[in-house]
Amino acid sequence: MMSLLRDWGLYAVVILVAALAVLVTNRPGNPRVCRILARNVFLLSLLLCFYHLFAMTFLVKVPALADPSGAALIHHPSSAGSINYVSLARQDALAAGIDPDLFVRQINQESGFQPGAVSPAGAVGIAQFMPATAAGLGINPHDPVQSLQAAAQLMASYIHQYGSESAALAAYNAGPVALKHARVQCGAQWQSCLPAETQHYIAVIVG
């Protein structure tokens, strides 16, 4: 509102100056060309002022719409444009031969598909790799593209090694050593011997 009032004040000054120019040049003895020029300047200033006011009032910008799919669409500085990380996770899961829906739920549980996520334990990135694990895999855990591909491949290897998606999730979350100890201590009821956080992790992802 204040901006609009300032614009009106500026327009009034411009029109007043143009009107004074018309009055001065209309005095007897002034050349006819000067009088015509002054009137034209006055009319032009009126037109420009009202056009500018119209443009400022009605030609507003429409905000960009959000991604209608609701998927995680995030700008990745190392690539052109934006990357849909949910779609990328599905592609990586299919390439690794694992269930894409399960993998999407896993990454959502890990970081909510936020590449900059950092856990209190020190896990970083979209797939929440510990720095030592990422170094062993030869990836940069801060790079979401590398991390998603590595996470899908790691899950595929865990499923093959431990025989089930639940066991693979336990190894991913708590570590292979914790999974081994749980199986030794509790046998078929091995999930009950996992940390409570890991039990919840498996329940949320597997259902």
N, C-alpha and C. Protein backbone atom coordinates (compact mmCIF):
# COMPACT_ATOMS: atom_id res chain seq x y z
N MET A 1 0.83 -1.20 0.00
CA MET A 1 0.00 0.00 0.00
C MET A 1 0.87 1.25 0.00
N MET A 2 1.91 1.28 0.84
CA MET A 2 2.80 2.43 0.90
C MET A 2 3.51 2.63 -0.43
N SER A 3 3.89 1.51 -1.06
CA SER A 3 4.55 1.60 -2.37
C SER A 3 3.62 2.23 -3.39
N LEU A 4 2.34 1.86 -3.35
CA LEU A 4 1.36 2.41 -4.28
C LEU A 4 1.19 3.90 -4.06
N LEU A 5 1.16 4.34 -2.79
CA LEU A 5 1.02 5.76 -2.49
C LEU A 5 2.24 6.54 -2.98
N ARG A 6 3.43 5.96 -2.80
CA ARG A 6 4.64 6.64 -3.29
C ARG A 6 4.59 6.80 -4.81
N ASP A 7 4.09 5.77 -5.51
CA ASP A 7 3.98 5.85 -6.97
C ASP A 7 3.02 6.96 -7.38
N TRP A 8 1.87 7.02 -6.68
CA TRP A 8 0.89 8.07 -6.99
C TRP A 8 1.51 9.46 -6.77
N GLY A 9 2.29 9.61 -5.72
CA GLY A 9 2.93 10.90 -5.45
C GLY A 9 3.89 11.28 -6.56
N LEU A 10 4.66 10.30 -7.04
CA LEU A 10 5.60 10.56 -8.13
C LEU A 10 4.85 10.94 -9.40
N TYR A 11 3.75 10.23 -9.68
CA TYR A 11 2.96 10.54 -10.87
C TYR A 11 2.40 11.96 -10.80
N ALA A 12 1.93 12.34 -9.62
CA ALA A 12 1.35 13.68 -9.45
C ALA A 12 2.40 14.76 -9.74
N VAL A 13 3.63 14.54 -9.27
CA VAL A 13 4.70 15.51 -9.51
C VAL A 13 5.00 15.62 -10.99
N VAL A 14 5.10 14.46 -11.67
CA VAL A 14 5.40 14.46 -13.11
C VAL A 14 4.32 15.19 -13.88
N ILE A 15 3.04 14.88 -13.57
CA ILE A 15 1.93 15.51 -14.28
C ILE A 15 1.89 17.01 -14.00
N LEU A 16 2.17 17.41 -12.74
CA LEU A 16 2.17 18.82 -12.38
C LEU A 16 3.24 19.59 -13.15
N VAL A 17 4.44 19.01 -13.24
CA VAL A 17 5.52 19.66 -13.98
C VAL A 17 5.15 19.80 -15.45
N ALA A 18 4.56 18.72 -16.02
CA ALA A 18 4.16 18.79 -17.43
C ALA A 18 3.07 19.84 -17.64
N ALA A 19 2.13 19.94 -16.68
CA ALA A 19 1.06 20.93 -16.81
C ALA A 19 1.62 22.35 -16.73
N LEU A 20 2.58 22.56 -15.84
CA LEU A 20 3.21 23.89 -15.74
C LEU A 20 3.93 24.24 -17.04
N ALA A 21 4.55 23.22 -17.65
CA ALA A 21 5.24 23.47 -18.92
C ALA A 21 4.24 23.91 -19.98
N VAL A 22 3.05 23.30 -19.98
CA VAL A 22 2.01 23.69 -20.94
C VAL A 22 1.58 25.13 -20.71
N LEU A 23 1.36 25.50 -19.42
CA LEU A 23 0.92 26.85 -19.10
C LEU A 23 1.96 27.89 -19.52
N VAL A 24 3.23 27.57 -19.27
CA VAL A 24 4.29 28.53 -19.60
C VAL A 24 4.40 28.72 -21.11
N THR A 25 4.36 27.62 -21.84
CA THR A 25 4.54 27.71 -23.29
C THR A 25 3.31 28.24 -24.01
N ASN A 26 2.14 28.26 -23.33
CA ASN A 26 0.92 28.78 -23.95
C ASN A 26 0.82 30.30 -23.86
N ARG A 27 1.78 30.95 -23.27
CA ARG A 27 1.75 32.40 -23.19
C ARG A 27 1.85 33.01 -24.59
N PRO A 28 1.18 34.12 -24.77
CA PRO A 28 1.25 34.80 -26.09
C PRO A 28 2.69 35.13 -26.46
N GLY A 29 3.02 34.93 -27.68
CA GLY A 29 4.36 35.23 -28.16
C GLY A 29 5.25 34.02 -28.27
N ASN A 30 4.92 32.92 -27.57
CA ASN A 30 5.72 31.71 -27.68
C ASN A 30 5.43 31.02 -29.02
N PRO A 31 6.43 30.43 -29.62
CA PRO A 31 6.21 29.76 -30.92
C PRO A 31 5.15 28.66 -30.80
N ARG A 32 4.39 28.49 -31.88
CA ARG A 32 3.34 27.48 -31.91
C ARG A 32 3.92 26.08 -31.73
N VAL A 33 5.11 25.86 -32.27
CA VAL A 33 5.75 24.54 -32.15
C VAL A 33 6.00 24.20 -30.69
N CYS A 34 6.42 25.18 -29.90
CA CYS A 34 6.68 24.93 -28.48
C CYS A 34 5.40 24.57 -27.74
N ARG A 35 4.29 25.26 -28.10
CA ARG A 35 3.02 24.96 -27.43
C ARG A 35 2.56 23.53 -27.75
N ILE A 36 2.70 23.15 -29.03
CA ILE A 36 2.29 21.79 -29.43
C ILE A 36 3.17 20.75 -28.74
N LEU A 37 4.48 21.01 -28.69
CA LEU A 37 5.41 20.07 -28.05
C LEU A 37 5.09 19.91 -26.57
N ALA A 38 4.78 21.02 -25.89
CA ALA A 38 4.47 20.96 -24.46
C ALA A 38 3.21 20.15 -24.21
N ARG A 39 2.18 20.36 -25.06
CA ARG A 39 0.94 19.59 -24.89
C ARG A 39 1.20 18.09 -25.10
N ASN A 40 2.01 17.77 -26.11
CA ASN A 40 2.31 16.36 -26.38
C ASN A 40 3.08 15.72 -25.23
N VAL A 41 4.01 16.47 -24.66
CA VAL A 41 4.76 15.96 -23.51
C VAL A 41 3.82 15.72 -22.34
N PHE A 42 2.88 16.64 -22.14
CA PHE A 42 1.91 16.50 -21.05
C PHE A 42 1.06 15.24 -21.24
N LEU A 43 0.53 15.05 -22.46
CA LEU A 43 -0.29 13.86 -22.73
C LEU A 43 0.52 12.58 -22.60
N LEU A 44 1.76 12.61 -23.09
CA LEU A 44 2.60 11.42 -23.00
C LEU A 44 2.90 11.06 -21.55
N SER A 45 3.15 12.08 -20.72
CA SER A 45 3.42 11.81 -19.31
C SER A 45 2.20 11.20 -18.62
N LEU A 46 1.00 11.68 -19.00
CA LEU A 46 -0.22 11.09 -18.45
C LEU A 46 -0.33 9.61 -18.83
N LEU A 47 -0.12 9.32 -20.11
CA LEU A 47 -0.23 7.94 -20.58
C LEU A 47 0.79 7.03 -19.89
N LEU A 48 2.03 7.49 -19.79
CA LEU A 48 3.07 6.67 -19.17
C LEU A 48 2.78 6.42 -17.70
N CYS A 49 2.31 7.43 -17.00
CA CYS A 49 2.03 7.27 -15.57
C CYS A 49 0.91 6.26 -15.34
N PHE A 50 -0.17 6.39 -16.11
CA PHE A 50 -1.29 5.47 -15.91
C PHE A 50 -0.95 4.06 -16.37
N TYR A 51 -0.14 3.93 -17.42
CA TYR A 51 0.27 2.59 -17.85
C TYR A 51 1.13 1.92 -16.79
N HIS A 52 2.08 2.69 -16.23
CA HIS A 52 2.95 2.13 -15.20
C HIS A 52 2.15 1.72 -13.97
N LEU A 53 1.18 2.55 -13.60
CA LEU A 53 0.33 2.22 -12.45
C LEU A 53 -0.47 0.95 -12.71
N PHE A 54 -1.00 0.82 -13.92
CA PHE A 54 -1.75 -0.38 -14.29
C PHE A 54 -0.87 -1.62 -14.23
N ALA A 55 0.35 -1.49 -14.76
CA ALA A 55 1.26 -2.64 -14.78
C ALA A 55 1.65 -3.06 -13.37
N MET A 56 1.93 -2.09 -12.50
CA MET A 56 2.33 -2.41 -11.13
C MET A 56 1.18 -3.01 -10.33
N THR A 57 -0.06 -2.62 -10.69
CA THR A 57 -1.22 -3.07 -9.90
C THR A 57 -1.74 -4.42 -10.34
N PHE A 58 -1.79 -4.66 -11.66
CA PHE A 58 -2.48 -5.84 -12.17
C PHE A 58 -1.57 -6.90 -12.76
N LEU A 59 -0.41 -6.51 -13.26
CA LEU A 59 0.46 -7.50 -13.89
C LEU A 59 1.38 -8.11 -12.84
N VAL A 60 0.82 -8.90 -11.95
CA VAL A 60 1.57 -9.51 -10.85
C VAL A 60 2.11 -10.85 -11.30
N LYS A 61 3.17 -11.25 -10.66
CA LYS A 61 3.77 -12.54 -10.98
C LYS A 61 3.02 -13.65 -10.27
N VAL A 62 2.83 -14.77 -10.96
CA VAL A 62 2.18 -15.94 -10.38
C VAL A 62 3.25 -16.86 -9.83
N PRO A 63 3.19 -17.26 -8.55
CA PRO A 63 4.22 -18.13 -7.99
C PRO A 63 4.26 -19.48 -8.68
N ALA A 64 5.46 -20.07 -8.72
CA ALA A 64 5.62 -21.37 -9.36
C ALA A 64 4.88 -22.44 -8.58
N LEU A 65 4.29 -23.39 -9.29
CA LEU A 65 3.58 -24.48 -8.65
C LEU A 65 4.55 -25.52 -8.14
N ALA A 66 4.21 -26.15 -7.04
CA ALA A 66 5.03 -27.23 -6.51
C ALA A 66 4.90 -28.45 -7.41
N ASP A 67 5.82 -29.38 -7.25
CA ASP A 67 5.78 -30.61 -8.02
C ASP A 67 4.47 -31.33 -7.72
N PRO A 68 3.57 -31.51 -8.72
CA PRO A 68 2.25 -32.09 -8.45
C PRO A 68 2.31 -33.52 -7.94
N SER A 69 3.40 -34.23 -8.18
CA SER A 69 3.47 -35.62 -7.73
C SER A 69 3.75 -35.72 -6.25
N GLY A 70 4.24 -34.62 -5.64
CA GLY A 70 4.57 -34.64 -4.22
C GLY A 70 5.88 -35.34 -3.94
N ALA A 71 6.60 -35.76 -4.97
CA ALA A 71 7.85 -36.48 -4.77
C ALA A 71 8.96 -35.52 -4.41
N ALA A 72 10.05 -36.08 -3.86
CA ALA A 72 11.18 -35.25 -3.48
C ALA A 72 11.87 -34.75 -4.73
N LEU A 73 11.76 -33.44 -4.98
CA LEU A 73 12.38 -32.84 -6.16
C LEU A 73 13.36 -31.81 -5.65
N ILE A 74 14.65 -32.09 -5.74
CA ILE A 74 15.66 -31.30 -5.07
C ILE A 74 16.74 -30.90 -6.05
N HIS A 75 17.19 -29.65 -5.95
CA HIS A 75 18.27 -29.19 -6.81
C HIS A 75 19.58 -29.83 -6.39
N HIS A 76 20.28 -30.36 -7.37
CA HIS A 76 21.57 -30.98 -7.10
C HIS A 76 22.65 -30.13 -7.75
N PRO A 77 23.52 -29.47 -6.96
CA PRO A 77 24.47 -28.51 -7.52
C PRO A 77 25.46 -29.11 -8.50
N SER A 78 25.71 -30.42 -8.44
CA SER A 78 26.70 -31.01 -9.34
C SER A 78 26.09 -31.46 -10.66
N SER A 79 24.79 -31.21 -10.84
CA SER A 79 24.14 -31.59 -12.09
C SER A 79 23.26 -30.46 -12.57
N ALA A 80 22.80 -30.58 -13.80
CA ALA A 80 21.95 -29.53 -14.37
C ALA A 80 20.52 -29.74 -13.91
N GLY A 81 19.91 -28.67 -13.37
CA GLY A 81 18.51 -28.74 -12.99
C GLY A 81 18.29 -29.46 -11.69
N SER A 82 17.14 -30.11 -11.59
CA SER A 82 16.75 -30.79 -10.36
C SER A 82 16.62 -32.28 -10.60
N ILE A 83 16.78 -33.05 -9.53
CA ILE A 83 16.70 -34.50 -9.62
C ILE A 83 15.57 -34.97 -8.72
N ASN A 84 14.73 -35.85 -9.25
CA ASN A 84 13.70 -36.48 -8.43
C ASN A 84 14.33 -37.70 -7.78
N TYR A 85 14.69 -37.56 -6.50
CA TYR A 85 15.44 -38.62 -5.83
C TYR A 85 14.60 -39.87 -5.58
N VAL A 86 13.29 -39.72 -5.47
CA VAL A 86 12.44 -40.90 -5.31
C VAL A 86 12.50 -41.75 -6.57
N SER A 87 12.37 -41.10 -7.72
CA SER A 87 12.46 -41.84 -8.99
C SER A 87 13.84 -42.45 -9.17
N LEU A 88 14.87 -41.71 -8.78
CA LEU A 88 16.23 -42.23 -8.90
C LEU A 88 16.43 -43.44 -7.99
N ALA A 89 15.87 -43.39 -6.79
CA ALA A 89 15.97 -44.53 -5.86
C ALA A 89 15.30 -45.77 -6.46
N ARG A 90 14.16 -45.57 -7.09
CA ARG A 90 13.48 -46.70 -7.72
C ARG A 90 14.33 -47.30 -8.85
N GLN A 91 14.93 -46.44 -9.64
CA GLN A 91 15.78 -46.92 -10.73
C GLN A 91 16.97 -47.71 -10.20
N ASP A 92 17.60 -47.18 -9.14
CA ASP A 92 18.75 -47.87 -8.56
C ASP A 92 18.35 -49.21 -7.95
N ALA A 93 17.17 -49.25 -7.33
CA ALA A 93 16.69 -50.50 -6.73
C ALA A 93 16.44 -51.55 -7.81
N LEU A 94 15.80 -51.15 -8.89
CA LEU A 94 15.54 -52.09 -9.98
C LEU A 94 16.85 -52.58 -10.59
N ALA A 95 17.81 -51.67 -10.75
CA ALA A 95 19.10 -52.06 -11.32
C ALA A 95 19.83 -53.04 -10.41
N ALA A 96 19.64 -52.90 -9.09
CA ALA A 96 20.30 -53.80 -8.13
C ALA A 96 19.51 -55.08 -7.90
N GLY A 97 18.27 -55.13 -8.41
CA GLY A 97 17.46 -56.33 -8.27
C GLY A 97 16.73 -56.44 -6.95
N ILE A 98 16.42 -55.29 -6.32
CA ILE A 98 15.68 -55.32 -5.06
C ILE A 98 14.34 -54.61 -5.24
N ASP A 99 13.45 -54.78 -4.27
CA ASP A 99 12.11 -54.20 -4.33
C ASP A 99 12.21 -52.67 -4.27
N PRO A 100 11.77 -51.96 -5.32
CA PRO A 100 11.89 -50.49 -5.30
C PRO A 100 11.03 -49.83 -4.23
N ASP A 101 9.85 -50.39 -3.95
CA ASP A 101 9.00 -49.80 -2.92
C ASP A 101 9.66 -49.90 -1.54
N LEU A 102 10.24 -51.05 -1.27
CA LEU A 102 10.94 -51.24 0.00
C LEU A 102 12.11 -50.27 0.11
N PHE A 103 12.85 -50.11 -0.98
CA PHE A 103 14.02 -49.23 -0.95
C PHE A 103 13.62 -47.78 -0.75
N VAL A 104 12.54 -47.36 -1.39
CA VAL A 104 12.05 -45.99 -1.20
C VAL A 104 11.65 -45.76 0.25
N ARG A 105 10.95 -46.73 0.85
CA ARG A 105 10.57 -46.60 2.26
C ARG A 105 11.81 -46.56 3.15
N GLN A 106 12.82 -47.32 2.78
CA GLN A 106 14.06 -47.34 3.57
C GLN A 106 14.75 -45.98 3.55
N ILE A 107 14.92 -45.42 2.36
CA ILE A 107 15.60 -44.12 2.26
C ILE A 107 14.76 -43.02 2.92
N ASN A 108 13.45 -43.15 2.81
CA ASN A 108 12.59 -42.17 3.48
C ASN A 108 12.76 -42.26 4.99
N GLN A 109 12.92 -43.47 5.50
CA GLN A 109 13.15 -43.66 6.94
C GLN A 109 14.54 -43.17 7.34
N GLU A 110 15.50 -43.37 6.46
CA GLU A 110 16.87 -42.96 6.76
C GLU A 110 17.00 -41.44 6.85
N SER A 111 16.51 -40.74 5.83
CA SER A 111 16.79 -39.30 5.75
C SER A 111 15.62 -38.45 5.29
N GLY A 112 14.49 -39.08 4.93
CA GLY A 112 13.41 -38.30 4.34
C GLY A 112 13.80 -37.76 2.98
N PHE A 113 14.77 -38.43 2.32
CA PHE A 113 15.29 -38.03 1.01
C PHE A 113 15.96 -36.65 1.06
N GLN A 114 16.56 -36.33 2.20
CA GLN A 114 17.29 -35.07 2.34
C GLN A 114 18.79 -35.34 2.21
N PRO A 115 19.43 -34.86 1.14
CA PRO A 115 20.86 -35.13 0.93
C PRO A 115 21.77 -34.56 2.01
N GLY A 116 21.29 -33.53 2.72
CA GLY A 116 22.13 -32.91 3.74
C GLY A 116 21.90 -33.44 5.14
N ALA A 117 21.15 -34.53 5.28
CA ALA A 117 20.82 -35.06 6.61
C ALA A 117 22.08 -35.56 7.33
N VAL A 118 22.13 -35.29 8.63
CA VAL A 118 23.23 -35.77 9.48
C VAL A 118 22.60 -36.31 10.77
N SER A 119 22.95 -37.54 11.14
CA SER A 119 22.38 -38.14 12.34
C SER A 119 23.25 -37.83 13.56
N PRO A 120 22.70 -37.95 14.77
CA PRO A 120 23.51 -37.74 15.98
C PRO A 120 24.70 -38.70 16.06
N ALA A 121 24.56 -39.87 15.42
CA ALA A 121 25.66 -40.85 15.46
C ALA A 121 26.75 -40.54 14.45
N GLY A 122 26.49 -39.58 13.56
CA GLY A 122 27.50 -39.19 12.58
C GLY A 122 27.25 -39.70 11.18
N ALA A 123 26.14 -40.42 10.96
CA ALA A 123 25.80 -40.86 9.60
C ALA A 123 25.39 -39.65 8.77
N VAL A 124 25.78 -39.63 7.51
CA VAL A 124 25.55 -38.44 6.69
C VAL A 124 24.91 -38.80 5.36
N GLY A 125 24.22 -37.82 4.81
CA GLY A 125 23.72 -37.93 3.45
C GLY A 125 22.36 -38.59 3.33
N ILE A 126 21.92 -38.71 2.11
CA ILE A 126 20.58 -39.22 1.82
C ILE A 126 20.42 -40.67 2.24
N ALA A 127 21.51 -41.46 2.18
CA ALA A 127 21.45 -42.88 2.56
C ALA A 127 22.03 -43.13 3.95
N GLN A 128 22.43 -42.05 4.64
CA GLN A 128 22.92 -42.13 6.02
C GLN A 128 24.06 -43.14 6.19
N PHE A 129 25.09 -42.98 5.38
CA PHE A 129 26.29 -43.81 5.53
C PHE A 129 27.20 -43.21 6.59
N MET A 130 27.79 -44.07 7.40
CA MET A 130 28.87 -43.62 8.26
C MET A 130 30.08 -43.33 7.37
N PRO A 131 30.89 -42.35 7.73
CA PRO A 131 32.05 -42.01 6.88
C PRO A 131 32.94 -43.20 6.57
N ALA A 132 33.17 -44.08 7.56
CA ALA A 132 34.03 -45.25 7.32
C ALA A 132 33.40 -46.20 6.32
N THR A 133 32.08 -46.39 6.42
CA THR A 133 31.38 -47.27 5.47
C THR A 133 31.46 -46.69 4.06
N ALA A 134 31.23 -45.38 3.96
CA ALA A 134 31.29 -44.73 2.65
C ALA A 134 32.69 -44.85 2.05
N ALA A 135 33.71 -44.68 2.89
CA ALA A 135 35.08 -44.81 2.40
C ALA A 135 35.34 -46.23 1.90
N GLY A 136 34.81 -47.22 2.62
CA GLY A 136 34.99 -48.61 2.20
C GLY A 136 34.29 -48.91 0.88
N LEU A 137 33.19 -48.19 0.62
CA LEU A 137 32.45 -48.37 -0.63
C LEU A 137 33.02 -47.51 -1.75
N GLY A 138 33.92 -46.61 -1.39
CA GLY A 138 34.53 -45.74 -2.39
C GLY A 138 33.61 -44.66 -2.92
N ILE A 139 32.73 -44.14 -2.06
CA ILE A 139 31.79 -43.10 -2.50
C ILE A 139 31.89 -41.88 -1.60
N ASN A 140 31.33 -40.79 -2.09
CA ASN A 140 31.18 -39.57 -1.29
C ASN A 140 29.78 -39.59 -0.70
N PRO A 141 29.62 -39.75 0.62
CA PRO A 141 28.28 -39.87 1.20
C PRO A 141 27.45 -38.61 1.08
N HIS A 142 28.10 -37.49 0.79
CA HIS A 142 27.36 -36.24 0.60
C HIS A 142 26.76 -36.13 -0.80
N ASP A 143 27.18 -37.01 -1.69
CA ASP A 143 26.64 -37.01 -3.06
C ASP A 143 25.44 -37.95 -3.09
N PRO A 144 24.22 -37.42 -3.25
CA PRO A 144 23.03 -38.28 -3.19
C PRO A 144 22.94 -39.29 -4.32
N VAL A 145 23.48 -38.95 -5.48
CA VAL A 145 23.42 -39.88 -6.61
C VAL A 145 24.29 -41.10 -6.34
N GLN A 146 25.52 -40.86 -5.89
CA GLN A 146 26.42 -41.96 -5.53
C GLN A 146 25.84 -42.77 -4.37
N SER A 147 25.30 -42.07 -3.39
CA SER A 147 24.82 -42.74 -2.17
C SER A 147 23.63 -43.65 -2.45
N LEU A 148 22.69 -43.20 -3.26
CA LEU A 148 21.53 -44.03 -3.56
C LEU A 148 21.94 -45.30 -4.31
N GLN A 149 22.83 -45.16 -5.26
CA GLN A 149 23.28 -46.32 -6.02
C GLN A 149 24.02 -47.30 -5.11
N ALA A 150 24.89 -46.77 -4.25
CA ALA A 150 25.65 -47.63 -3.34
C ALA A 150 24.74 -48.30 -2.33
N ALA A 151 23.74 -47.57 -1.82
CA ALA A 151 22.82 -48.15 -0.84
C ALA A 151 22.01 -49.28 -1.45
N ALA A 152 21.55 -49.11 -2.68
CA ALA A 152 20.78 -50.16 -3.34
C ALA A 152 21.64 -51.41 -3.56
N GLN A 153 22.88 -51.20 -3.99
CA GLN A 153 23.77 -52.34 -4.21
C GLN A 153 24.13 -53.03 -2.90
N LEU A 154 24.32 -52.23 -1.84
CA LEU A 154 24.63 -52.82 -0.54
C LEU A 154 23.46 -53.64 -0.02
N MET A 155 22.24 -53.11 -0.18
CA MET A 155 21.06 -53.87 0.24
C MET A 155 20.93 -55.17 -0.54
N ALA A 156 21.22 -55.12 -1.83
CA ALA A 156 21.15 -56.34 -2.65
C ALA A 156 22.14 -57.38 -2.15
N SER A 157 23.35 -56.93 -1.79
CA SER A 157 24.36 -57.88 -1.30
C SER A 157 23.97 -58.43 0.07
N TYR A 158 23.36 -57.60 0.92
CA TYR A 158 22.92 -58.06 2.24
C TYR A 158 21.77 -59.07 2.11
N ILE A 159 20.84 -58.81 1.20
CA ILE A 159 19.73 -59.75 1.00
C ILE A 159 20.27 -61.10 0.54
N HIS A 160 21.22 -61.05 -0.37
CA HIS A 160 21.83 -62.30 -0.86
C HIS A 160 22.60 -63.01 0.26
N GLN A 161 23.30 -62.23 1.08
CA GLN A 161 24.14 -62.81 2.12
C GLN A 161 23.34 -63.34 3.30
N TYR A 162 22.31 -62.59 3.72
CA TYR A 162 21.59 -62.94 4.95
C TYR A 162 20.22 -63.57 4.70
N GLY A 163 19.78 -63.59 3.45
CA GLY A 163 18.61 -64.39 3.10
C GLY A 163 17.25 -63.74 3.18
N SER A 164 17.15 -62.51 3.67
CA SER A 164 15.83 -61.87 3.73
C SER A 164 15.99 -60.35 3.75
N GLU A 165 14.90 -59.67 3.41
CA GLU A 165 14.91 -58.21 3.43
C GLU A 165 15.04 -57.69 4.86
N SER A 166 14.37 -58.35 5.80
CA SER A 166 14.43 -57.91 7.20
C SER A 166 15.85 -58.00 7.74
N ALA A 167 16.53 -59.10 7.43
CA ALA A 167 17.91 -59.27 7.89
C ALA A 167 18.82 -58.25 7.22
N ALA A 168 18.57 -57.97 5.94
CA ALA A 168 19.38 -56.98 5.23
C ALA A 168 19.19 -55.59 5.85
N LEU A 169 17.96 -55.27 6.21
CA LEU A 169 17.69 -53.98 6.85
C LEU A 169 18.37 -53.89 8.21
N ALA A 170 18.37 -55.01 8.95
CA ALA A 170 19.05 -55.03 10.24
C ALA A 170 20.54 -54.80 10.08
N ALA A 171 21.14 -55.43 9.06
CA ALA A 171 22.56 -55.25 8.82
C ALA A 171 22.86 -53.81 8.40
N TYR A 172 21.97 -53.23 7.61
CA TYR A 172 22.17 -51.86 7.14
C TYR A 172 22.08 -50.88 8.31
N ASN A 173 21.12 -51.10 9.20
CA ASN A 173 20.87 -50.15 10.28
C ASN A 173 21.79 -50.35 11.48
N ALA A 174 21.93 -51.59 11.92
CA ALA A 174 22.70 -51.87 13.14
C ALA A 174 24.10 -52.40 12.85
N GLY A 175 24.30 -52.88 11.63
CA GLY A 175 25.60 -53.43 11.26
C GLY A 175 25.57 -54.95 11.21
N PRO A 176 26.39 -55.55 10.36
CA PRO A 176 26.43 -57.02 10.25
C PRO A 176 26.79 -57.72 11.56
N VAL A 177 27.64 -57.10 12.37
CA VAL A 177 28.05 -57.73 13.63
C VAL A 177 26.85 -57.84 14.57
N ALA A 178 26.06 -56.78 14.68
CA ALA A 178 24.88 -56.81 15.55
C ALA A 178 23.88 -57.86 15.07
N LEU A 179 23.73 -57.98 13.76
CA LEU A 179 22.82 -58.99 13.21
C LEU A 179 23.32 -60.40 13.56
N LYS A 180 24.61 -60.62 13.42
CA LYS A 180 25.19 -61.93 13.72
C LYS A 180 24.98 -62.29 15.19
N HIS A 181 25.23 -61.34 16.09
CA HIS A 181 25.05 -61.59 17.52
C HIS A 181 23.59 -61.89 17.84
N ALA A 182 22.66 -61.16 17.21
CA ALA A 182 21.23 -61.39 17.46
C ALA A 182 20.82 -62.79 17.02
N ARG A 183 21.35 -63.24 15.90
CA ARG A 183 21.01 -64.57 15.41
C ARG A 183 21.60 -65.66 16.31
N VAL A 184 22.80 -65.42 16.81
CA VAL A 184 23.43 -66.41 17.68
C VAL A 184 22.68 -66.49 19.01
N GLN A 185 22.30 -65.35 19.56
CA GLN A 185 21.66 -65.31 20.88
C GLN A 185 20.21 -65.78 20.85
N CYS A 186 19.47 -65.42 19.80
CA CYS A 186 18.02 -65.65 19.83
C CYS A 186 17.51 -66.58 18.74
N GLY A 187 18.37 -67.06 17.88
CA GLY A 187 17.95 -68.01 16.86
C GLY A 187 16.87 -67.45 15.96
N ALA A 188 15.75 -68.21 15.87
CA ALA A 188 14.66 -67.80 14.99
C ALA A 188 14.00 -66.50 15.43
N GLN A 189 14.15 -66.16 16.70
CA GLN A 189 13.58 -64.91 17.23
C GLN A 189 14.64 -63.80 17.25
N TRP A 190 15.53 -63.84 16.29
CA TRP A 190 16.68 -62.93 16.30
C TRP A 190 16.29 -61.45 16.33
N GLN A 191 15.14 -61.10 15.76
CA GLN A 191 14.77 -59.68 15.73
C GLN A 191 14.55 -59.12 17.14
N SER A 192 14.12 -59.99 18.06
CA SER A 192 13.87 -59.52 19.43
C SER A 192 15.16 -59.17 20.15
N CYS A 193 16.29 -59.63 19.64
CA CYS A 193 17.58 -59.33 20.26
C CYS A 193 18.29 -58.13 19.62
N LEU A 194 17.64 -57.53 18.64
CA LEU A 194 18.21 -56.34 18.01
C LEU A 194 17.93 -55.12 18.88
N PRO A 195 18.70 -54.04 18.71
CA PRO A 195 18.37 -52.80 19.42
C PRO A 195 16.95 -52.35 19.08
N ALA A 196 16.30 -51.69 20.02
CA ALA A 196 14.91 -51.25 19.82
C ALA A 196 14.79 -50.35 18.59
N GLU A 197 15.78 -49.53 18.36
CA GLU A 197 15.75 -48.63 17.19
C GLU A 197 15.71 -49.44 15.90
N THR A 198 16.50 -50.51 15.84
CA THR A 198 16.54 -51.34 14.63
C THR A 198 15.25 -52.12 14.46
N GLN A 199 14.67 -52.60 15.56
CA GLN A 199 13.39 -53.29 15.47
C GLN A 199 12.32 -52.36 14.89
N HIS A 200 12.31 -51.13 15.36
CA HIS A 200 11.35 -50.14 14.85
C HIS A 200 11.63 -49.85 13.38
N TYR A 201 12.88 -49.74 13.03
CA TYR A 201 13.32 -49.46 11.66
C TYR A 201 12.78 -50.53 10.70
N ILE A 202 12.93 -51.79 11.08
CA ILE A 202 12.45 -52.89 10.23
C ILE A 202 10.93 -52.88 10.14
N ALA A 203 10.27 -52.65 11.28
CA ALA A 203 8.80 -52.67 11.31
C ALA A 203 8.22 -51.58 10.42
N VAL A 204 8.81 -50.40 10.44
CA VAL A 204 8.30 -49.29 9.63
C VAL A 204 8.47 -49.57 8.14
N ILE A 205 9.61 -50.14 7.77
CA ILE A 205 9.92 -50.32 6.35
C ILE A 205 9.25 -51.56 5.76
N VAL A 206 9.30 -52.66 6.50
CA VAL A 206 8.72 -53.91 5.99
C VAL A 206 7.21 -53.94 6.23
N GLY A 207 6.79 -53.39 7.38
CA GLY A 207 5.37 -53.36 7.69
C GLY A 207 4.94 -54.57 8.50
